[in-house]
């Protein structure tokens, strides 16, 4: 079952954050991940306006999403993001293909 990492990021240093965004695709791809949402225009339809950058990355499984996030390769990339952004990252399994679940 596919899984997704969802990130809500408040960027505080765009110059440094851009270096992080250049480094992430290669590491994500090593774990079978692909970007579904990476920034882009946000329209809040209900609730408090969302002002943070939103990113959604799809992985083949929840295990692969977790392996990516905790990998030595991504740990190095996260160091670039440190001091450039504050974020919330969650991993969640996708919808089941079984009706009624």
PDB file of N, CA and C in Angstrom:
ATOM      1  N   UNK A   1       0.841  -1.170   0.000  1.00  0.00           N
ATOM      2  CA  UNK A   1       0.000   0.000   0.000  1.00  0.00           C
ATOM      3  C   UNK A   1       0.894   1.243   0.000  1.00  0.00           C
ATOM      4  N   UNK A   2       0.605   2.225  -0.859  1.00  0.00           N
ATOM      5  CA  UNK A   2       1.441   3.423  -0.871  1.00  0.00           C
ATOM      6  C   UNK A   2       1.331   4.190   0.446  1.00  0.00           C
ATOM      7  N   UNK A   3       2.347   4.985   0.690  1.00  0.00           N
ATOM      8  CA  UNK A   3       2.373   5.829   1.880  1.00  0.00           C
ATOM      9  C   UNK A   3       2.896   7.197   1.465  1.00  0.00           C
ATOM     10  N   UNK A   4       2.630   8.176   2.299  1.00  0.00           N
ATOM     11  CA  UNK A   4       2.966   9.549   1.970  1.00  0.00           C
ATOM     12  C   UNK A   4       3.659  10.228   3.141  1.00  0.00           C
ATOM     13  N   UNK A   5       4.687  10.986   2.827  1.00  0.00           N
ATOM     14  CA  UNK A   5       5.236  11.917   3.809  1.00  0.00           C
ATOM     15  C   UNK A   5       4.629  13.264   3.472  1.00  0.00           C
ATOM     16  N   UNK A   6       4.035  13.876   4.479  1.00  0.00           N
ATOM     17  CA  UNK A   6       3.428  15.191   4.333  1.00  0.00           C
ATOM     18  C   UNK A   6       4.232  16.153   5.198  1.00  0.00           C
ATOM     19  N   UNK A   7       4.688  17.222   4.582  1.00  0.00           N
ATOM     20  CA  UNK A   7       5.493  18.210   5.304  1.00  0.00           C
ATOM     21  C   UNK A   7       4.832  19.577   5.200  1.00  0.00           C
ATOM     22  N   UNK A   8       4.783  20.264   6.330  1.00  0.00           N
ATOM     23  CA  UNK A   8       4.346  21.668   6.388  1.00  0.00           C
ATOM     24  C   UNK A   8       5.555  22.434   6.896  1.00  0.00           C
ATOM     25  N   UNK A   9       6.064  23.332   6.062  1.00  0.00           N
ATOM     26  CA  UNK A   9       7.360  23.936   6.331  1.00  0.00           C
ATOM     27  C   UNK A   9       7.257  25.470   6.320  1.00  0.00           C
ATOM     28  N   UNK A  10       7.771  26.069   7.372  1.00  0.00           N
ATOM     29  CA  UNK A  10       7.909  27.522   7.411  1.00  0.00           C
ATOM     30  C   UNK A  10       9.362  27.848   7.081  1.00  0.00           C
ATOM     31  N   UNK A  11       9.572  28.412   5.910  1.00  0.00           N
ATOM     32  CA  UNK A  11      10.920  28.722   5.449  1.00  0.00           C
ATOM     33  C   UNK A  11      11.356  30.061   6.037  1.00  0.00           C
ATOM     34  N   UNK A  12      12.539  30.064   6.651  1.00  0.00           N
ATOM     35  CA  UNK A  12      13.071  31.285   7.257  1.00  0.00           C
ATOM     36  C   UNK A  12      14.290  31.823   6.509  1.00  0.00           C
ATOM     37  N   UNK A  13      14.903  30.992   5.671  1.00  0.00           N
ATOM     38  CA  UNK A  13      16.072  31.400   4.886  1.00  0.00           C
ATOM     39  C   UNK A  13      15.962  30.715   3.516  1.00  0.00           C
ATOM     40  N   UNK A  14      15.396  31.440   2.545  1.00  0.00           N
ATOM     41  CA  UNK A  14      15.142  30.843   1.239  1.00  0.00           C
ATOM     42  C   UNK A  14      16.417  30.457   0.496  1.00  0.00           C
ATOM     43  N   UNK A  15      17.476  31.205   0.661  1.00  0.00           N
ATOM     44  CA  UNK A  15      18.727  30.866  -0.023  1.00  0.00           C
ATOM     45  C   UNK A  15      19.217  29.496   0.412  1.00  0.00           C
ATOM     46  N   UNK A  16      19.278  29.292   1.691  1.00  0.00           N
ATOM     47  CA  UNK A  16      19.730  27.998   2.219  1.00  0.00           C
ATOM     48  C   UNK A  16      18.711  26.895   1.942  1.00  0.00           C
ATOM     49  N   UNK A  17      17.424  27.203   2.038  1.00  0.00           N
ATOM     50  CA  UNK A  17      16.383  26.207   1.797  1.00  0.00           C
ATOM     51  C   UNK A  17      16.428  25.709   0.345  1.00  0.00           C
ATOM     52  N   UNK A  18      16.744  26.586  -0.590  1.00  0.00           N
ATOM     53  CA  UNK A  18      16.853  26.156  -1.996  1.00  0.00           C
ATOM     54  C   UNK A  18      17.952  25.112  -2.183  1.00  0.00           C
ATOM     55  N   UNK A  19      19.015  25.224  -1.411  1.00  0.00           N
ATOM     56  CA  UNK A  19      20.076  24.205  -1.462  1.00  0.00           C
ATOM     57  C   UNK A  19      19.525  22.861  -0.987  1.00  0.00           C
ATOM     58  N   UNK A  20      18.702  22.888   0.034  1.00  0.00           N
ATOM     59  CA  UNK A  20      18.055  21.675   0.543  1.00  0.00           C
ATOM     60  C   UNK A  20      17.159  21.066  -0.538  1.00  0.00           C
ATOM     61  N   UNK A  21      16.367  21.905  -1.217  1.00  0.00           N
ATOM     62  CA  UNK A  21      15.451  21.365  -2.231  1.00  0.00           C
ATOM     63  C   UNK A  21      16.201  20.767  -3.421  1.00  0.00           C
ATOM     64  N   UNK A  22      17.414  21.246  -3.681  1.00  0.00           N
ATOM     65  CA  UNK A  22      18.227  20.665  -4.761  1.00  0.00           C
ATOM     66  C   UNK A  22      18.762  19.287  -4.370  1.00  0.00           C
ATOM     67  N   UNK A  23      18.995  19.083  -3.091  1.00  0.00           N
ATOM     68  CA  UNK A  23      19.610  17.841  -2.623  1.00  0.00           C
ATOM     69  C   UNK A  23      18.612  16.721  -2.341  1.00  0.00           C
ATOM     70  N   UNK A  24      17.353  17.039  -2.142  1.00  0.00           N
ATOM     71  CA  UNK A  24      16.394  16.007  -1.723  1.00  0.00           C
ATOM     72  C   UNK A  24      15.967  15.015  -2.808  1.00  0.00           C
ATOM     73  N   UNK A  25      15.758  15.408  -4.074  1.00  0.00           N
ATOM     74  CA  UNK A  25      15.213  14.445  -5.043  1.00  0.00           C
ATOM     75  C   UNK A  25      16.016  13.160  -5.183  1.00  0.00           C
ATOM     76  N   UNK A  26      17.329  13.254  -5.187  1.00  0.00           N
ATOM     77  CA  UNK A  26      18.159  12.054  -5.359  1.00  0.00           C
ATOM     78  C   UNK A  26      17.960  11.073  -4.207  1.00  0.00           C
ATOM     79  N   UNK A  27      17.936  11.581  -2.989  1.00  0.00           N
ATOM     80  CA  UNK A  27      17.765  10.706  -1.824  1.00  0.00           C
ATOM     81  C   UNK A  27      16.362  10.109  -1.813  1.00  0.00           C
ATOM     82  N   UNK A  28      15.362  10.893  -2.130  1.00  0.00           N
ATOM     83  CA  UNK A  28      13.982  10.406  -2.174  1.00  0.00           C
ATOM     84  C   UNK A  28      13.848   9.282  -3.198  1.00  0.00           C
ATOM     85  N   UNK A  29      14.434   9.466  -4.366  1.00  0.00           N
ATOM     86  CA  UNK A  29      14.342   8.459  -5.426  1.00  0.00           C
ATOM     87  C   UNK A  29      14.978   7.132  -5.018  1.00  0.00           C
ATOM     88  N   UNK A  30      16.037   7.166  -4.208  1.00  0.00           N
ATOM     89  CA  UNK A  30      16.689   5.927  -3.751  1.00  0.00           C
ATOM     90  C   UNK A  30      15.735   5.021  -2.974  1.00  0.00           C
ATOM     91  N   UNK A  31      14.692   5.600  -2.401  1.00  0.00           N
ATOM     92  CA  UNK A  31      13.729   4.824  -1.608  1.00  0.00           C
ATOM     93  C   UNK A  31      12.393   4.678  -2.335  1.00  0.00           C
ATOM     94  N   UNK A  32      12.408   4.904  -3.640  1.00  0.00           N
ATOM     95  CA  UNK A  32      11.204   4.722  -4.455  1.00  0.00           C
ATOM     96  C   UNK A  32      10.214   5.854  -4.326  1.00  0.00           C
ATOM     97  N   UNK A  33      10.630   6.986  -3.773  1.00  0.00           N
ATOM     98  CA  UNK A  33       9.725   8.105  -3.566  1.00  0.00           C
ATOM     99  C   UNK A  33       9.634   9.031  -4.754  1.00  0.00           C
ATOM    100  N   UNK A  34       8.507   9.744  -4.828  1.00  0.00           N
ATOM    101  CA  UNK A  34       8.324  10.765  -5.864  1.00  0.00           C
ATOM    102  C   UNK A  34       7.461  11.883  -5.299  1.00  0.00           C
ATOM    103  N   UNK A  35       7.759  13.097  -5.730  1.00  0.00           N
ATOM    104  CA  UNK A  35       6.986  14.250  -5.280  1.00  0.00           C
ATOM    105  C   UNK A  35       5.592  14.222  -5.897  1.00  0.00           C
ATOM    106  N   UNK A  36       4.591  14.475  -5.077  1.00  0.00           N
ATOM    107  CA  UNK A  36       3.218  14.658  -5.531  1.00  0.00           C
ATOM    108  C   UNK A  36       2.889  16.149  -5.475  1.00  0.00           C
ATOM    109  N   UNK A  37       3.291  16.787  -4.394  1.00  0.00           N
ATOM    110  CA  UNK A  37       3.124  18.234  -4.203  1.00  0.00           C
ATOM    111  C   UNK A  37       4.460  18.762  -3.708  1.00  0.00           C
ATOM    112  N   UNK A  38       4.908  19.839  -4.307  1.00  0.00           N
ATOM    113  CA  UNK A  38       6.173  20.445  -3.879  1.00  0.00           C
ATOM    114  C   UNK A  38       6.029  21.956  -4.009  1.00  0.00           C
ATOM    115  N   UNK A  39       5.516  22.567  -2.935  1.00  0.00           N
ATOM    116  CA  UNK A  39       5.250  24.001  -2.998  1.00  0.00           C
ATOM    117  C   UNK A  39       3.965  24.227  -3.769  1.00  0.00           C
ATOM    118  N   UNK A  40       3.915  25.239  -4.564  1.00  0.00           N
ATOM    119  CA  UNK A  40       2.730  25.527  -5.361  1.00  0.00           C
ATOM    120  C   UNK A  40       1.748  26.412  -4.617  1.00  0.00           C
ATOM    121  N   UNK A  41       0.799  26.935  -5.359  1.00  0.00           N
ATOM    122  CA  UNK A  41      -0.208  27.830  -4.795  1.00  0.00           C
ATOM    123  C   UNK A  41      -1.119  27.070  -3.839  1.00  0.00           C
ATOM    124  N   UNK A  42      -1.452  27.696  -2.734  1.00  0.00           N
ATOM    125  CA  UNK A  42      -2.339  27.106  -1.732  1.00  0.00           C
ATOM    126  C   UNK A  42      -3.593  27.966  -1.619  1.00  0.00           C
ATOM    127  N   UNK A  43      -4.743  27.332  -1.650  1.00  0.00           N
ATOM    128  CA  UNK A  43      -6.010  28.008  -1.431  1.00  0.00           C
ATOM    129  C   UNK A  43      -6.668  27.332  -0.239  1.00  0.00           C
ATOM    130  N   UNK A  44      -6.817  28.043   0.860  1.00  0.00           N
ATOM    131  CA  UNK A  44      -7.470  27.490   2.043  1.00  0.00           C
ATOM    132  C   UNK A  44      -8.975  27.520   1.806  1.00  0.00           C
ATOM    133  N   UNK A  45      -9.607  26.372   1.883  1.00  0.00           N
ATOM    134  CA  UNK A  45     -11.046  26.277   1.651  1.00  0.00           C
ATOM    135  C   UNK A  45     -11.852  26.326   2.939  1.00  0.00           C
ATOM    136  N   UNK A  46     -11.224  25.968   4.047  1.00  0.00           N
ATOM    137  CA  UNK A  46     -11.908  25.983   5.339  1.00  0.00           C
ATOM    138  C   UNK A  46     -10.855  26.057   6.429  1.00  0.00           C
ATOM    139  N   UNK A  47     -11.165  26.723   7.513  1.00  0.00           N
ATOM    140  CA  UNK A  47     -10.245  26.807   8.636  1.00  0.00           C
ATOM    141  C   UNK A  47      -9.255  27.943   8.486  1.00  0.00           C
ATOM    142  N   UNK A  48      -8.239  27.905   9.355  1.00  0.00           N
ATOM    143  CA  UNK A  48      -7.211  28.936   9.356  1.00  0.00           C
ATOM    144  C   UNK A  48      -6.424  28.905   8.046  1.00  0.00           C
ATOM    145  N   UNK A  49      -6.067  30.058   7.519  1.00  0.00           N
ATOM    146  CA  UNK A  49      -5.268  30.072   6.281  1.00  0.00           C
ATOM    147  C   UNK A  49      -3.929  29.354   6.477  1.00  0.00           C
ATOM    148  N   UNK A  50      -3.552  28.570   5.495  1.00  0.00           N
ATOM    149  CA  UNK A  50      -2.260  27.879   5.527  1.00  0.00           C
ATOM    150  C   UNK A  50      -1.222  28.777   4.866  1.00  0.00           C
ATOM    151  N   UNK A  51      -0.176  29.102   5.599  1.00  0.00           N
ATOM    152  CA  UNK A  51       0.856  29.991   5.080  1.00  0.00           C
ATOM    153  C   UNK A  51       2.181  29.270   4.876  1.00  0.00           C
ATOM    154  N   UNK A  52       2.246  28.020   5.313  1.00  0.00           N
ATOM    155  CA  UNK A  52       3.500  27.277   5.178  1.00  0.00           C
ATOM    156  C   UNK A  52       3.592  26.606   3.815  1.00  0.00           C
ATOM    157  N   UNK A  53       4.791  26.230   3.446  1.00  0.00           N
ATOM    158  CA  UNK A  53       5.037  25.464   2.224  1.00  0.00           C
ATOM    159  C   UNK A  53       4.564  24.032   2.486  1.00  0.00           C
ATOM    160  N   UNK A  54       3.840  23.459   1.542  1.00  0.00           N
ATOM    161  CA  UNK A  54       3.358  22.085   1.674  1.00  0.00           C
ATOM    162  C   UNK A  54       4.086  21.193   0.681  1.00  0.00           C
ATOM    163  N   UNK A  55       4.469  20.008   1.174  1.00  0.00           N
ATOM    164  CA  UNK A  55       5.138  19.015   0.333  1.00  0.00           C
ATOM    165  C   UNK A  55       4.516  17.663   0.639  1.00  0.00           C
ATOM    166  N   UNK A  56       4.208  16.902  -0.416  1.00  0.00           N
ATOM    167  CA  UNK A  56       3.718  15.535  -0.266  1.00  0.00           C
ATOM    168  C   UNK A  56       4.588  14.653  -1.152  1.00  0.00           C
ATOM    169  N   UNK A  57       5.134  13.599  -0.540  1.00  0.00           N
ATOM    170  CA  UNK A  57       5.998  12.660  -1.254  1.00  0.00           C
ATOM    171  C   UNK A  57       5.382  11.274  -1.133  1.00  0.00           C
ATOM    172  N   UNK A  58       5.208  10.597  -2.247  1.00  0.00           N
ATOM    173  CA  UNK A  58       4.642   9.250  -2.256  1.00  0.00           C
ATOM    174  C   UNK A  58       5.757   8.213  -2.266  1.00  0.00           C
ATOM    175  N   UNK A  59       5.586   7.172  -1.445  1.00  0.00           N
ATOM    176  CA  UNK A  59       6.503   6.036  -1.394  1.00  0.00           C
ATOM    177  C   UNK A  59       5.692   4.757  -1.605  1.00  0.00           C
ATOM    178  N   UNK A  60       6.332   3.693  -2.090  1.00  0.00           N
ATOM    179  CA  UNK A  60       5.613   2.436  -2.294  1.00  0.00           C
ATOM    180  C   UNK A  60       5.006   1.865  -1.002  1.00  0.00           C
ATOM    181  N   UNK A  61       5.694   2.064   0.130  1.00  0.00           N
ATOM    182  CA  UNK A  61       5.213   1.531   1.409  1.00  0.00           C
ATOM    183  C   UNK A  61       5.559   2.511   2.537  1.00  0.00           C
ATOM    184  N   UNK A  62       4.888   2.333   3.657  1.00  0.00           N
ATOM    185  CA  UNK A  62       5.195   3.128   4.846  1.00  0.00           C
ATOM    186  C   UNK A  62       6.617   2.833   5.327  1.00  0.00           C
ATOM    187  N   UNK A  63       7.014   1.580   5.224  1.00  0.00           N
ATOM    188  CA  UNK A  63       8.370   1.199   5.634  1.00  0.00           C
ATOM    189  C   UNK A  63       9.412   1.965   4.822  1.00  0.00           C
ATOM    190  N   UNK A  64       9.221   2.071   3.513  1.00  0.00           N
ATOM    191  CA  UNK A  64      10.181   2.796   2.681  1.00  0.00           C
ATOM    192  C   UNK A  64      10.191   4.291   3.008  1.00  0.00           C
ATOM    193  N   UNK A  65       9.044   4.855   3.341  1.00  0.00           N
ATOM    194  CA  UNK A  65       8.981   6.263   3.740  1.00  0.00           C
ATOM    195  C   UNK A  65       9.795   6.478   5.015  1.00  0.00           C
ATOM    196  N   UNK A  66       9.637   5.570   5.965  1.00  0.00           N
ATOM    197  CA  UNK A  66      10.378   5.679   7.222  1.00  0.00           C
ATOM    198  C   UNK A  66      11.875   5.456   6.993  1.00  0.00           C
ATOM    199  N   UNK A  67      12.210   4.484   6.155  1.00  0.00           N
ATOM    200  CA  UNK A  67      13.620   4.221   5.856  1.00  0.00           C
ATOM    201  C   UNK A  67      14.271   5.441   5.208  1.00  0.00           C
ATOM    202  N   UNK A  68      13.550   6.090   4.291  1.00  0.00           N
ATOM    203  CA  UNK A  68      14.072   7.315   3.683  1.00  0.00           C
ATOM    204  C   UNK A  68      14.334   8.360   4.756  1.00  0.00           C
ATOM    205  N   UNK A  69      13.341   8.646   5.578  1.00  0.00           N
ATOM    206  CA  UNK A  69      13.461   9.735   6.554  1.00  0.00           C
ATOM    207  C   UNK A  69      14.606   9.501   7.539  1.00  0.00           C
ATOM    208  N   UNK A  70      14.826   8.256   7.911  1.00  0.00           N
ATOM    209  CA  UNK A  70      15.861   7.938   8.903  1.00  0.00           C
ATOM    210  C   UNK A  70      17.197   7.525   8.269  1.00  0.00           C
ATOM    211  N   UNK A  71      17.301   7.624   6.953  1.00  0.00           N
ATOM    212  CA  UNK A  71      18.518   7.175   6.263  1.00  0.00           C
ATOM    213  C   UNK A  71      19.693   8.118   6.513  1.00  0.00           C
ATOM    214  N   UNK A  72      20.910   7.579   6.429  1.00  0.00           N
ATOM    215  CA  UNK A  72      22.098   8.429   6.540  1.00  0.00           C
ATOM    216  C   UNK A  72      22.126   9.519   5.456  1.00  0.00           C
ATOM    217  N   UNK A  73      21.675   9.183   4.256  1.00  0.00           N
ATOM    218  CA  UNK A  73      21.668  10.162   3.164  1.00  0.00           C
ATOM    219  C   UNK A  73      20.769  11.345   3.459  1.00  0.00           C
ATOM    220  N   UNK A  74      19.560  11.069   3.960  1.00  0.00           N
ATOM    221  CA  UNK A  74      18.661  12.181   4.263  1.00  0.00           C
ATOM    222  C   UNK A  74      19.096  12.922   5.521  1.00  0.00           C
ATOM    223  N   UNK A  75      19.726  12.238   6.449  1.00  0.00           N
ATOM    224  CA  UNK A  75      20.239  12.921   7.649  1.00  0.00           C
ATOM    225  C   UNK A  75      21.226  14.012   7.256  1.00  0.00           C
ATOM    226  N   UNK A  76      22.060  13.735   6.259  1.00  0.00           N
ATOM    227  CA  UNK A  76      23.007  14.741   5.778  1.00  0.00           C
ATOM    228  C   UNK A  76      22.271  15.913   5.132  1.00  0.00           C
ATOM    229  N   UNK A  77      21.225  15.604   4.353  1.00  0.00           N
ATOM    230  CA  UNK A  77      20.457  16.646   3.680  1.00  0.00           C
ATOM    231  C   UNK A  77      19.691  17.498   4.699  1.00  0.00           C
ATOM    232  N   UNK A  78      19.180  16.871   5.740  1.00  0.00           N
ATOM    233  CA  UNK A  78      18.452  17.623   6.776  1.00  0.00           C
ATOM    234  C   UNK A  78      19.339  18.680   7.423  1.00  0.00           C
ATOM    235  N   UNK A  79      20.621  18.434   7.486  1.00  0.00           N
ATOM    236  CA  UNK A  79      21.543  19.415   8.073  1.00  0.00           C
ATOM    237  C   UNK A  79      21.534  20.713   7.277  1.00  0.00           C
ATOM    238  N   UNK A  80      21.305  20.630   5.980  1.00  0.00           N
ATOM    239  CA  UNK A  80      21.208  21.830   5.143  1.00  0.00           C
ATOM    240  C   UNK A  80      19.963  22.624   5.531  1.00  0.00           C
ATOM    241  N   UNK A  81      18.879  21.911   5.815  1.00  0.00           N
ATOM    242  CA  UNK A  81      17.607  22.558   6.173  1.00  0.00           C
ATOM    243  C   UNK A  81      17.661  23.200   7.551  1.00  0.00           C
ATOM    244  N   UNK A  82      18.490  22.673   8.444  1.00  0.00           N
ATOM    245  CA  UNK A  82      18.581  23.203   9.810  1.00  0.00           C
ATOM    246  C   UNK A  82      18.939  24.683   9.767  1.00  0.00           C
ATOM    247  N   UNK A  83      18.156  25.490  10.440  1.00  0.00           N
ATOM    248  CA  UNK A  83      18.384  26.923  10.460  1.00  0.00           C
ATOM    249  C   UNK A  83      17.769  27.657   9.283  1.00  0.00           C
ATOM    250  N   UNK A  84      17.248  26.933   8.305  1.00  0.00           N
ATOM    251  CA  UNK A  84      16.627  27.555   7.135  1.00  0.00           C
ATOM    252  C   UNK A  84      15.117  27.385   7.123  1.00  0.00           C
ATOM    253  N   UNK A  85      14.619  26.457   7.946  1.00  0.00           N
ATOM    254  CA  UNK A  85      13.182  26.189   7.956  1.00  0.00           C
ATOM    255  C   UNK A  85      12.809  25.399   9.204  1.00  0.00           C
ATOM    256  N   UNK A  86      11.555  25.562   9.596  1.00  0.00           N
ATOM    257  CA  UNK A  86      10.985  24.792  10.694  1.00  0.00           C
ATOM    258  C   UNK A  86       9.806  24.030  10.107  1.00  0.00           C
ATOM    259  N   UNK A  87       9.761  22.733  10.350  1.00  0.00           N
ATOM    260  CA  UNK A  87       8.700  21.971   9.710  1.00  0.00           C
ATOM    261  C   UNK A  87       8.095  20.887  10.571  1.00  0.00           C
ATOM    262  N   UNK A  88       6.983  20.396  10.088  1.00  0.00           N
ATOM    263  CA  UNK A  88       6.315  19.230  10.661  1.00  0.00           C
ATOM    264  C   UNK A  88       6.291  18.189   9.546  1.00  0.00           C
ATOM    265  N   UNK A  89       6.767  16.989   9.836  1.00  0.00           N
ATOM    266  CA  UNK A  89       6.815  15.907   8.853  1.00  0.00           C
ATOM    267  C   UNK A  89       6.068  14.714   9.435  1.00  0.00           C
ATOM    268  N   UNK A  90       5.099  14.203   8.692  1.00  0.00           N
ATOM    269  CA  UNK A  90       4.375  13.012   9.130  1.00  0.00           C
ATOM    270  C   UNK A  90       4.355  12.006   7.986  1.00  0.00           C
ATOM    271  N   UNK A  91       4.273  10.738   8.341  1.00  0.00           N
ATOM    272  CA  UNK A  91       4.135   9.675   7.349  1.00  0.00           C
ATOM    273  C   UNK A  91       2.797   8.990   7.588  1.00  0.00           C
ATOM    274  N   UNK A  92       2.077   8.708   6.510  1.00  0.00           N
ATOM    275  CA  UNK A  92       0.750   8.108   6.621  1.00  0.00           C
ATOM    276  C   UNK A  92       0.530   7.141   5.463  1.00  0.00           C
ATOM    277  N   UNK A  93      -0.111   6.021   5.784  1.00  0.00           N
ATOM    278  CA  UNK A  93      -0.463   5.066   4.733  1.00  0.00           C
ATOM    279  C   UNK A  93      -1.593   5.636   3.889  1.00  0.00           C
ATOM    280  N   UNK A  94      -1.579   5.277   2.611  1.00  0.00           N
ATOM    281  CA  UNK A  94      -2.629   5.706   1.701  1.00  0.00           C
ATOM    282  C   UNK A  94      -3.897   4.899   1.901  1.00  0.00           C
ATOM    283  N   UNK A  95      -4.897   5.217   1.121  1.00  0.00           N
ATOM    284  CA  UNK A  95      -6.189   4.547   1.215  1.00  0.00           C
ATOM    285  C   UNK A  95      -6.078   3.095   0.781  1.00  0.00           C
ATOM    286  N   UNK A  96      -6.802   2.251   1.462  1.00  0.00           N
ATOM    287  CA  UNK A  96      -6.860   0.844   1.106  1.00  0.00           C
ATOM    288  C   UNK A  96      -7.694   0.666  -0.140  1.00  0.00           C
ATOM    289  N   UNK A  97      -7.356  -0.310  -0.950  1.00  0.00           N
ATOM    290  CA  UNK A  97      -8.136  -0.579  -2.155  1.00  0.00           C
ATOM    291  C   UNK A  97      -9.345  -1.457  -1.865  1.00  0.00           C
ATOM    292  N   UNK A  98      -9.480  -1.898  -0.599  1.00  0.00           N
ATOM    293  CA  UNK A  98     -10.597  -2.735  -0.214  1.00  0.00           C
ATOM    294  C   UNK A  98     -11.798  -1.838   0.107  1.00  0.00           C
ATOM    295  N   UNK A  99     -12.957  -2.104  -0.510  1.00  0.00           N
ATOM    296  CA  UNK A  99     -14.149  -1.305  -0.268  1.00  0.00           C
ATOM    297  C   UNK A  99     -14.554  -1.353   1.196  1.00  0.00           C
ATOM    298  N   UNK A 100     -14.927  -0.199   1.730  1.00  0.00           N
ATOM    299  CA  UNK A 100     -15.434  -0.145   3.092  1.00  0.00           C
ATOM    300  C   UNK A 100     -14.380   0.076   4.155  1.00  0.00           C
ATOM    301  N   UNK A 101     -13.107   0.092   3.799  1.00  0.00           N
ATOM    302  CA  UNK A 101     -12.044   0.316   4.800  1.00  0.00           C
ATOM    303  C   UNK A 101     -11.727   1.777   4.906  1.00  0.00           C
TER     304      UNK A 101
END
